[in-house]
Amino acid sequence: MKTLAWPIEENTMSFPNFKNKYQKPAVFTPSDFMAYKKEAGRYPEYKSPEGIIFGYDRRLMELIVTAHKVIKVDGFFGDLYLLDETDGKIAVVGNFGIGAPTVVTLLEELIAFGVKKFISIGTAGTLQRHIKIGSIMVCEKAIRDEGTSYHYLKPSKHAYASPIMTNKIKESLEKFQQEYFVGTSWTIDAPYRETIAEVKRYQKEGVSAVEMEAAALFAVAQYRNVEMGAIFTISDSLGELKWKPKFHSSRTKQGLEVLYKVALDALTQN
């Protein structure tokens, strides 16, 4: 059996390939794209909401749409619903996929639409043995092991959540008497390349969880000067250096429902 011979090229460049590109202006902006949508008759017909909840779990989105009176807004990738109970001031967006590049593209367009406050709610895998399935984590910073954030901010190990939004999330959790912990996440683009060596290293550093979006969302929010927070429920574990998925457990489902309630309350605070 022949083995495929792939070309081997020595890496002589840093990432991104163009040094200090975060300081340079873009060829076109999200505002340019939204203007194009307006010219093409594809611009959203409704007034911009004040706050957005990003939801990645389809079951949670179905629950929200079923249990709440909503107005669907066309013109964005994924499904955006204005929540009638907030007089359209808060919306939830889902069914757009997963990963930093996807959600950041949507975030950029929503910022250009006029939204200023965001909370990302979703699942995360714990790296620590003592953290249980269904636990609630407030993410205050995330390790930048994805590519998107480096096109917005200079290289650094972490990207940080908005302190204002993070404090609002904590206040809402305490209002509902919900147990939670504050931690650091490892954001990575390649879930099937989370290695044992990396998990061991981050365990020693005290990193709580791993997911795919937070670092990029935090970086873009800082770059665009908007508020961004992130809260997770623990859905799987790498703590024993083996993958233990519990995405469909009742604890994970309950955790996601708590995240939605908390995010909605946090975004409606003055």
C-alpha atoms as a PDB file:
ATOM      1  CA  MET A   1       0.000   0.000   0.000  1.00  0.00           C
ATOM      2  CA  LYS A   2       1.427   3.349  -1.023  1.00  0.00           C
ATOM      3  CA  THR A   3       1.484   6.243   1.398  1.00  0.00           C
ATOM      4  CA  LEU A   4       0.606   9.679   0.104  1.00  0.00           C
ATOM      5  CA  ALA A   5       3.533  12.067   0.004  1.00  0.00           C
ATOM      6  CA  TRP A   6       2.334  15.504   1.015  1.00  0.00           C
ATOM      7  CA  PRO A   7       4.542  18.533   0.340  1.00  0.00           C
ATOM      8  CA  ILE A   8       6.432  19.705   3.418  1.00  0.00           C
ATOM      9  CA  GLU A   9       6.998  23.436   3.747  1.00  0.00           C
ATOM     10  CA  GLU A  10       8.971  25.125   6.494  1.00  0.00           C
ATOM     11  CA  ASN A  11       6.968  27.636   8.495  1.00  0.00           C
ATOM     12  CA  THR A  12       8.722  31.001   8.351  1.00  0.00           C
ATOM     13  CA  MET A  13       5.726  33.225   9.082  1.00  0.00           C
ATOM     14  CA  SER A  14       3.775  34.193  12.169  1.00  0.00           C
ATOM     15  CA  PHE A  15       0.001  34.217  12.387  1.00  0.00           C
ATOM     16  CA  PRO A  16      -1.739  36.104  10.892  1.00  0.00           C
ATOM     17  CA  ASN A  17       0.542  36.087   7.860  1.00  0.00           C
ATOM     18  CA  PHE A  18       0.415  39.883   7.564  1.00  0.00           C
ATOM     19  CA  LYS A  19       2.082  41.280  10.681  1.00  0.00           C
ATOM     20  CA  ASN A  20       0.111  43.830  12.716  1.00  0.00           C
ATOM     21  CA  LYS A  21      -2.861  43.566  10.359  1.00  0.00           C
ATOM     22  CA  TYR A  22      -5.219  44.401  13.233  1.00  0.00           C
ATOM     23  CA  GLN A  23      -4.001  48.003  12.873  1.00  0.00           C
ATOM     24  CA  LYS A  24      -4.890  48.230   9.176  1.00  0.00           C
ATOM     25  CA  PRO A  25      -8.246  49.306   7.676  1.00  0.00           C
ATOM     26  CA  ALA A  26     -10.374  46.683   5.932  1.00  0.00           C
ATOM     27  CA  VAL A  27     -11.285  46.763   2.247  1.00  0.00           C
ATOM     28  CA  PHE A  28     -14.965  46.696   3.170  1.00  0.00           C
ATOM     29  CA  THR A  29     -16.797  46.785   6.478  1.00  0.00           C
ATOM     30  CA  PRO A  30     -19.925  45.244   8.005  1.00  0.00           C
ATOM     31  CA  SER A  31     -21.629  48.607   7.479  1.00  0.00           C
ATOM     32  CA  ASP A  32     -20.802  48.378   3.777  1.00  0.00           C
ATOM     33  CA  PHE A  33     -22.386  44.921   3.666  1.00  0.00           C
ATOM     34  CA  MET A  34     -25.527  46.108   5.459  1.00  0.00           C
ATOM     35  CA  ALA A  35     -25.772  49.023   3.013  1.00  0.00           C
ATOM     36  CA  TYR A  36     -25.555  46.509   0.165  1.00  0.00           C
ATOM     37  CA  LYS A  37     -28.392  44.544   1.767  1.00  0.00           C
ATOM     38  CA  LYS A  38     -30.466  47.705   1.889  1.00  0.00           C
ATOM     39  CA  GLU A  39     -29.861  48.403  -1.804  1.00  0.00           C
ATOM     40  CA  ALA A  40     -30.737  44.793  -2.641  1.00  0.00           C
ATOM     41  CA  GLY A  41     -33.981  44.941  -0.631  1.00  0.00           C
ATOM     42  CA  ARG A  42     -32.726  42.418   1.925  1.00  0.00           C
ATOM     43  CA  TYR A  43     -32.295  44.750   4.885  1.00  0.00           C
ATOM     44  CA  PRO A  44     -34.171  43.757   8.085  1.00  0.00           C
ATOM     45  CA  GLU A  45     -37.527  45.529   8.308  1.00  0.00           C
ATOM     46  CA  TYR A  46     -37.538  45.926  12.089  1.00  0.00           C
ATOM     47  CA  LYS A  47     -35.828  48.340  14.431  1.00  0.00           C
ATOM     48  CA  SER A  48     -32.541  47.145  15.863  1.00  0.00           C
ATOM     49  CA  PRO A  49     -32.904  45.438  19.268  1.00  0.00           C
ATOM     50  CA  GLU A  50     -30.819  46.662  22.190  1.00  0.00           C
ATOM     51  CA  GLY A  51     -29.480  43.239  23.109  1.00  0.00           C
ATOM     52  CA  ILE A  52     -28.895  39.856  21.503  1.00  0.00           C
ATOM     53  CA  ILE A  53     -28.643  36.352  22.956  1.00  0.00           C
ATOM     54  CA  PHE A  54     -26.578  33.944  20.845  1.00  0.00           C
ATOM     55  CA  GLY A  55     -27.905  30.402  21.242  1.00  0.00           C
ATOM     56  CA  TYR A  56     -26.214  27.399  19.661  1.00  0.00           C
ATOM     57  CA  ASP A  57     -28.421  24.555  20.867  1.00  0.00           C
ATOM     58  CA  ARG A  58     -31.350  23.691  18.574  1.00  0.00           C
ATOM     59  CA  ARG A  59     -33.417  22.220  21.397  1.00  0.00           C
ATOM     60  CA  LEU A  60     -33.141  25.435  23.378  1.00  0.00           C
ATOM     61  CA  MET A  61     -34.127  27.521  20.360  1.00  0.00           C
ATOM     62  CA  GLU A  62     -37.185  25.337  19.795  1.00  0.00           C
ATOM     63  CA  LEU A  63     -38.155  25.733  23.443  1.00  0.00           C
ATOM     64  CA  ILE A  64     -37.799  29.528  23.320  1.00  0.00           C
ATOM     65  CA  VAL A  65     -39.810  29.894  20.130  1.00  0.00           C
ATOM     66  CA  THR A  66     -42.511  27.557  21.428  1.00  0.00           C
ATOM     67  CA  ALA A  67     -42.803  29.012  24.926  1.00  0.00           C
ATOM     68  CA  HIS A  68     -42.526  32.716  24.059  1.00  0.00           C
ATOM     69  CA  LYS A  69     -44.272  35.043  21.678  1.00  0.00           C
ATOM     70  CA  VAL A  70     -41.695  36.034  19.097  1.00  0.00           C
ATOM     71  CA  ILE A  71     -41.368  37.925  15.814  1.00  0.00           C
ATOM     72  CA  LYS A  72     -39.003  36.407  13.263  1.00  0.00           C
ATOM     73  CA  VAL A  73     -36.726  38.900  11.540  1.00  0.00           C
ATOM     74  CA  ASP A  74     -35.316  38.011   8.140  1.00  0.00           C
ATOM     75  CA  GLY A  75     -32.104  39.370   6.687  1.00  0.00           C
ATOM     76  CA  PHE A  76     -29.504  37.604   8.827  1.00  0.00           C
ATOM     77  CA  PHE A  77     -27.719  34.291   8.628  1.00  0.00           C
ATOM     78  CA  GLY A  78     -29.549  31.936  10.992  1.00  0.00           C
ATOM     79  CA  ASP A  79     -32.833  32.689  12.732  1.00  0.00           C
ATOM     80  CA  LEU A  80     -33.368  35.931  14.657  1.00  0.00           C
ATOM     81  CA  TYR A  81     -36.441  36.324  16.868  1.00  0.00           C
ATOM     82  CA  LEU A  82     -37.528  39.477  18.677  1.00  0.00           C
ATOM     83  CA  LEU A  83     -38.979  38.650  22.090  1.00  0.00           C
ATOM     84  CA  ASP A  84     -42.406  40.220  22.434  1.00  0.00           C
ATOM     85  CA  GLU A  85     -42.191  40.273  26.234  1.00  0.00           C
ATOM     86  CA  THR A  86     -39.327  42.778  25.936  1.00  0.00           C
ATOM     87  CA  ASP A  87     -41.163  44.956  23.382  1.00  0.00           C
ATOM     88  CA  GLY A  88     -38.618  43.853  20.816  1.00  0.00           C
ATOM     89  CA  LYS A  89     -35.689  45.246  22.782  1.00  0.00           C
ATOM     90  CA  ILE A  90     -34.075  41.813  23.173  1.00  0.00           C
ATOM     91  CA  ALA A  91     -33.701  39.131  20.499  1.00  0.00           C
ATOM     92  CA  VAL A  92     -32.369  35.603  20.383  1.00  0.00           C
ATOM     93  CA  VAL A  93     -30.391  34.280  17.418  1.00  0.00           C
ATOM     94  CA  GLY A  94     -29.842  30.603  16.653  1.00  0.00           C
ATOM     95  CA  ASN A  95     -29.599  27.912  14.003  1.00  0.00           C
ATOM     96  CA  PHE A  96     -26.517  29.516  12.460  1.00  0.00           C
ATOM     97  CA  GLY A  97     -24.032  26.766  13.249  1.00  0.00           C
ATOM     98  CA  ILE A  98     -21.035  26.692  15.562  1.00  0.00           C
ATOM     99  CA  GLY A  99     -17.493  28.038  15.621  1.00  0.00           C
ATOM    100  CA  ALA A 100     -15.782  31.396  15.797  1.00  0.00           C
ATOM    101  CA  PRO A 101     -15.816  32.467  12.102  1.00  0.00           C
ATOM    102  CA  THR A 102     -19.552  31.832  11.767  1.00  0.00           C
ATOM    103  CA  VAL A 103     -20.723  33.603  14.895  1.00  0.00           C
ATOM    104  CA  VAL A 104     -18.287  36.500  14.431  1.00  0.00           C
ATOM    105  CA  THR A 105     -19.619  37.191  10.936  1.00  0.00           C
ATOM    106  CA  LEU A 106     -23.111  37.349  12.426  1.00  0.00           C
ATOM    107  CA  LEU A 107     -21.896  39.478  15.347  1.00  0.00           C
ATOM    108  CA  GLU A 108     -20.302  41.993  12.975  1.00  0.00           C
ATOM    109  CA  GLU A 109     -23.522  42.386  11.002  1.00  0.00           C
ATOM    110  CA  LEU A 110     -25.607  42.767  14.162  1.00  0.00           C
ATOM    111  CA  ILE A 111     -23.265  45.472  15.445  1.00  0.00           C
ATOM    112  CA  ALA A 112     -23.584  47.263  12.111  1.00  0.00           C
ATOM    113  CA  PHE A 113     -27.368  46.902  12.500  1.00  0.00           C
ATOM    114  CA  GLY A 114     -27.072  48.868  15.742  1.00  0.00           C
ATOM    115  CA  VAL A 115     -26.965  46.268  18.533  1.00  0.00           C
ATOM    116  CA  LYS A 116     -24.695  47.162  21.463  1.00  0.00           C
ATOM    117  CA  LYS A 117     -25.156  44.360  24.026  1.00  0.00           C
ATOM    118  CA  PHE A 118     -24.602  40.628  23.581  1.00  0.00           C
ATOM    119  CA  ILE A 119     -24.508  37.438  25.618  1.00  0.00           C
ATOM    120  CA  SER A 120     -23.375  34.098  24.229  1.00  0.00           C
ATOM    121  CA  ILE A 121     -24.972  31.051  25.886  1.00  0.00           C
ATOM    122  CA  GLY A 122     -23.991  27.493  25.140  1.00  0.00           C
ATOM    123  CA  THR A 123     -22.342  24.295  26.238  1.00  0.00           C
ATOM    124  CA  ALA A 124     -18.710  23.686  27.118  1.00  0.00           C
ATOM    125  CA  GLY A 125     -16.569  20.704  28.021  1.00  0.00           C
ATOM    126  CA  THR A 126     -14.884  20.759  31.396  1.00  0.00           C
ATOM    127  CA  LEU A 127     -11.161  20.117  31.717  1.00  0.00           C
ATOM    128  CA  GLN A 128     -11.321  19.673  35.480  1.00  0.00           C
ATOM    129  CA  ARG A 129     -12.436  16.503  37.264  1.00  0.00           C
ATOM    130  CA  HIS A 130     -14.315  18.311  40.031  1.00  0.00           C
ATOM    131  CA  ILE A 131     -16.619  20.296  37.709  1.00  0.00           C
ATOM    132  CA  LYS A 132     -19.917  18.482  37.242  1.00  0.00           C
ATOM    133  CA  ILE A 133     -22.241  18.155  34.247  1.00  0.00           C
ATOM    134  CA  GLY A 134     -24.854  20.911  34.291  1.00  0.00           C
ATOM    135  CA  SER A 135     -22.660  23.347  36.246  1.00  0.00           C
ATOM    136  CA  ILE A 136     -22.964  27.003  35.255  1.00  0.00           C
ATOM    137  CA  MET A 137     -19.807  28.864  34.275  1.00  0.00           C
ATOM    138  CA  VAL A 138     -19.367  32.583  33.768  1.00  0.00           C
ATOM    139  CA  CYS A 139     -16.475  33.039  31.335  1.00  0.00           C
ATOM    140  CA  GLU A 140     -14.378  36.058  32.240  1.00  0.00           C
ATOM    141  CA  LYS A 141     -11.557  35.349  29.781  1.00  0.00           C
ATOM    142  CA  ALA A 142     -10.692  32.852  27.045  1.00  0.00           C
ATOM    143  CA  ILE A 143      -7.466  31.444  25.647  1.00  0.00           C
ATOM    144  CA  ARG A 144      -7.087  32.481  22.012  1.00  0.00           C
ATOM    145  CA  ASP A 145      -6.429  29.148  20.314  1.00  0.00           C
ATOM    146  CA  GLU A 146      -8.563  30.025  17.295  1.00  0.00           C
ATOM    147  CA  GLY A 147      -7.700  32.125  14.282  1.00  0.00           C
ATOM    148  CA  THR A 148     -10.397  34.782  14.127  1.00  0.00           C
ATOM    149  CA  SER A 149      -9.426  36.938  17.107  1.00  0.00           C
ATOM    150  CA  TYR A 150      -5.937  37.612  15.735  1.00  0.00           C
ATOM    151  CA  HIS A 151      -7.420  39.556  12.832  1.00  0.00           C
ATOM    152  CA  TYR A 152      -8.914  42.027  15.346  1.00  0.00           C
ATOM    153  CA  LEU A 153      -6.469  42.371  18.250  1.00  0.00           C
ATOM    154  CA  LYS A 154      -2.716  42.104  18.658  1.00  0.00           C
ATOM    155  CA  PRO A 155      -1.468  38.656  19.719  1.00  0.00           C
ATOM    156  CA  SER A 156      -1.951  37.756  23.378  1.00  0.00           C
ATOM    157  CA  LYS A 157      -2.849  34.637  25.319  1.00  0.00           C
ATOM    158  CA  HIS A 158      -6.329  35.741  26.401  1.00  0.00           C
ATOM    159  CA  ALA A 159      -9.312  37.731  25.211  1.00  0.00           C
ATOM    160  CA  TYR A 160     -11.571  39.208  27.886  1.00  0.00           C
ATOM    161  CA  ALA A 161     -15.308  39.478  28.349  1.00  0.00           C
ATOM    162  CA  SER A 162     -16.858  42.884  28.948  1.00  0.00           C
ATOM    163  CA  PRO A 163     -16.587  43.605  32.705  1.00  0.00           C
ATOM    164  CA  ILE A 164     -19.914  45.462  32.612  1.00  0.00           C
ATOM    165  CA  MET A 165     -21.785  42.576  31.001  1.00  0.00           C
ATOM    166  CA  THR A 166     -20.025  39.986  33.152  1.00  0.00           C
ATOM    167  CA  ASN A 167     -21.120  41.812  36.301  1.00  0.00           C
ATOM    168  CA  LYS A 168     -24.705  41.959  35.041  1.00  0.00           C
ATOM    169  CA  ILE A 169     -24.641  38.210  34.426  1.00  0.00           C
ATOM    170  CA  LYS A 170     -23.379  37.584  37.953  1.00  0.00           C
ATOM    171  CA  GLU A 171     -26.083  39.829  39.392  1.00  0.00           C
ATOM    172  CA  SER A 172     -28.768  37.915  37.509  1.00  0.00           C
ATOM    173  CA  LEU A 173     -27.400  34.559  38.631  1.00  0.00           C
ATOM    174  CA  GLU A 174     -27.434  35.726  42.232  1.00  0.00           C
ATOM    175  CA  LYS A 175     -30.931  37.170  41.805  1.00  0.00           C
ATOM    176  CA  PHE A 176     -32.161  33.700  40.788  1.00  0.00           C
ATOM    177  CA  GLN A 177     -30.084  32.108  43.578  1.00  0.00           C
ATOM    178  CA  GLN A 178     -28.282  30.041  40.988  1.00  0.00           C
ATOM    179  CA  GLU A 179     -24.967  28.416  41.833  1.00  0.00           C
ATOM    180  CA  TYR A 180     -22.162  29.246  39.403  1.00  0.00           C
ATOM    181  CA  PHE A 181     -18.432  29.632  39.125  1.00  0.00           C
ATOM    182  CA  VAL A 182     -16.235  32.091  37.238  1.00  0.00           C
ATOM    183  CA  GLY A 183     -13.525  30.650  35.055  1.00  0.00           C
ATOM    184  CA  THR A 184     -11.252  30.719  32.037  1.00  0.00           C
ATOM    185  CA  SER A 185     -12.112  28.904  28.834  1.00  0.00           C
ATOM    186  CA  TRP A 186      -9.932  27.469  26.091  1.00  0.00           C
ATOM    187  CA  THR A 187     -11.360  28.499  22.711  1.00  0.00           C
ATOM    188  CA  ILE A 188     -10.265  26.242  19.860  1.00  0.00           C
ATOM    189  CA  ASP A 189     -11.361  25.932  16.227  1.00  0.00           C
ATOM    190  CA  ALA A 190     -10.585  22.213  15.940  1.00  0.00           C
ATOM    191  CA  PRO A 191     -12.624  20.125  18.420  1.00  0.00           C
ATOM    192  CA  TYR A 192     -11.252  16.869  17.043  1.00  0.00           C
ATOM    193  CA  ARG A 193      -7.686  18.027  17.675  1.00  0.00           C
ATOM    194  CA  GLU A 194      -7.944  18.719  21.394  1.00  0.00           C
ATOM    195  CA  THR A 195      -4.905  16.730  22.475  1.00  0.00           C
ATOM    196  CA  ILE A 196      -4.182  15.026  25.781  1.00  0.00           C
ATOM    197  CA  ALA A 197      -1.004  17.097  26.094  1.00  0.00           C
ATOM    198  CA  GLU A 198      -2.981  20.330  25.832  1.00  0.00           C
ATOM    199  CA  VAL A 199      -5.624  19.185  28.303  1.00  0.00           C
ATOM    200  CA  LYS A 200      -2.940  18.273  30.851  1.00  0.00           C
ATOM    201  CA  ARG A 201      -1.276  21.651  30.428  1.00  0.00           C
ATOM    202  CA  TYR A 202      -4.494  23.612  30.819  1.00  0.00           C
ATOM    203  CA  GLN A 203      -5.584  21.489  33.767  1.00  0.00           C
ATOM    204  CA  LYS A 204      -2.413  22.572  35.576  1.00  0.00           C
ATOM    205  CA  GLU A 205      -3.118  26.198  34.688  1.00  0.00           C
ATOM    206  CA  GLY A 206      -6.600  25.900  36.194  1.00  0.00           C
ATOM    207  CA  VAL A 207      -8.467  26.414  32.921  1.00  0.00           C
ATOM    208  CA  SER A 208     -12.062  25.365  33.497  1.00  0.00           C
ATOM    209  CA  ALA A 209     -13.523  24.488  30.112  1.00  0.00           C
ATOM    210  CA  VAL A 210     -13.140  24.265  26.355  1.00  0.00           C
ATOM    211  CA  GLU A 211     -15.452  25.640  23.634  1.00  0.00           C
ATOM    212  CA  MET A 212     -15.291  27.188  20.170  1.00  0.00           C
ATOM    213  CA  GLU A 213     -16.412  30.839  20.201  1.00  0.00           C
ATOM    214  CA  ALA A 214     -15.706  32.929  23.312  1.00  0.00           C
ATOM    215  CA  ALA A 215     -12.233  34.297  22.561  1.00  0.00           C
ATOM    216  CA  ALA A 216     -13.270  35.508  19.113  1.00  0.00           C
ATOM    217  CA  LEU A 217     -16.490  37.070  20.396  1.00  0.00           C
ATOM    218  CA  PHE A 218     -14.612  38.885  23.150  1.00  0.00           C
ATOM    219  CA  ALA A 219     -11.990  40.173  20.701  1.00  0.00           C
ATOM    220  CA  VAL A 220     -14.518  41.525  18.215  1.00  0.00           C
ATOM    221  CA  ALA A 221     -16.556  43.144  20.994  1.00  0.00           C
ATOM    222  CA  GLN A 222     -13.449  44.907  22.269  1.00  0.00           C
ATOM    223  CA  TYR A 223     -12.498  45.987  18.746  1.00  0.00           C
ATOM    224  CA  ARG A 224     -16.002  47.334  18.035  1.00  0.00           C
ATOM    225  CA  ASN A 225     -16.510  48.755  21.556  1.00  0.00           C
ATOM    226  CA  VAL A 226     -19.670  46.816  22.444  1.00  0.00           C
ATOM    227  CA  GLU A 227     -20.573  44.703  25.472  1.00  0.00           C
ATOM    228  CA  MET A 228     -20.133  40.927  25.292  1.00  0.00           C
ATOM    229  CA  GLY A 229     -20.558  38.286  27.975  1.00  0.00           C
ATOM    230  CA  ALA A 230     -20.541  34.489  27.873  1.00  0.00           C
ATOM    231  CA  ILE A 231     -22.046  31.823  30.107  1.00  0.00           C
ATOM    232  CA  PHE A 232     -21.871  28.077  29.656  1.00  0.00           C
ATOM    233  CA  THR A 233     -23.373  24.939  31.043  1.00  0.00           C
ATOM    234  CA  ILE A 234     -21.059  21.957  31.253  1.00  0.00           C
ATOM    235  CA  SER A 235     -22.159  19.277  28.792  1.00  0.00           C
ATOM    236  CA  ASP A 236     -19.166  16.944  28.578  1.00  0.00           C
ATOM    237  CA  SER A 237     -15.882  16.224  30.297  1.00  0.00           C
ATOM    238  CA  LEU A 238     -12.223  15.748  29.360  1.00  0.00           C
ATOM    239  CA  GLY A 239     -11.180  15.763  33.010  1.00  0.00           C
ATOM    240  CA  GLU A 240     -10.204  12.080  33.037  1.00  0.00           C
ATOM    241  CA  LEU A 241      -8.340  12.511  29.717  1.00  0.00           C
ATOM    242  CA  LYS A 242     -11.157  10.641  28.011  1.00  0.00           C
ATOM    243  CA  TRP A 243     -14.195  12.223  26.408  1.00  0.00           C
ATOM    244  CA  LYS A 244     -17.402  11.756  28.379  1.00  0.00           C
ATOM    245  CA  PRO A 245     -20.321  13.348  26.458  1.00  0.00           C
ATOM    246  CA  LYS A 246     -23.518  14.242  28.299  1.00  0.00           C
ATOM    247  CA  PHE A 247     -25.092  16.647  25.814  1.00  0.00           C
ATOM    248  CA  HIS A 248     -28.518  15.044  26.092  1.00  0.00           C
ATOM    249  CA  SER A 249     -28.613  14.674  29.868  1.00  0.00           C
ATOM    250  CA  SER A 250     -31.363  16.377  31.846  1.00  0.00           C
ATOM    251  CA  ARG A 251     -28.727  18.405  33.716  1.00  0.00           C
ATOM    252  CA  THR A 252     -27.388  19.849  30.471  1.00  0.00           C
ATOM    253  CA  LYS A 253     -30.905  20.701  29.303  1.00  0.00           C
ATOM    254  CA  GLN A 254     -31.744  22.359  32.627  1.00  0.00           C
ATOM    255  CA  GLY A 255     -28.460  24.265  32.525  1.00  0.00           C
ATOM    256  CA  LEU A 256     -29.245  25.687  29.092  1.00  0.00           C
ATOM    257  CA  GLU A 257     -32.668  26.826  30.269  1.00  0.00           C
ATOM    258  CA  VAL A 258     -31.022  28.597  33.213  1.00  0.00           C
ATOM    259  CA  LEU A 259     -28.576  30.315  30.861  1.00  0.00           C
ATOM    260  CA  TYR A 260     -31.397  31.695  28.745  1.00  0.00           C
ATOM    261  CA  LYS A 261     -33.300  33.021  31.761  1.00  0.00           C
ATOM    262  CA  VAL A 262     -30.168  34.627  33.161  1.00  0.00           C
ATOM    263  CA  ALA A 263     -29.086  36.151  29.848  1.00  0.00           C
ATOM    264  CA  LEU A 264     -32.524  37.658  29.269  1.00  0.00           C
ATOM    265  CA  ASP A 265     -32.532  39.203  32.750  1.00  0.00           C
ATOM    266  CA  ALA A 266     -28.968  40.524  32.395  1.00  0.00           C
ATOM    267  CA  LEU A 267     -29.718  42.201  29.062  1.00  0.00           C
ATOM    268  CA  THR A 268     -32.790  43.955  30.455  1.00  0.00           C
ATOM    269  CA  GLN A 269     -30.911  45.497  33.365  1.00  0.00           C
ATOM    270  CA  ASN A 270     -30.392  49.261  33.251  1.00  0.00           C
END
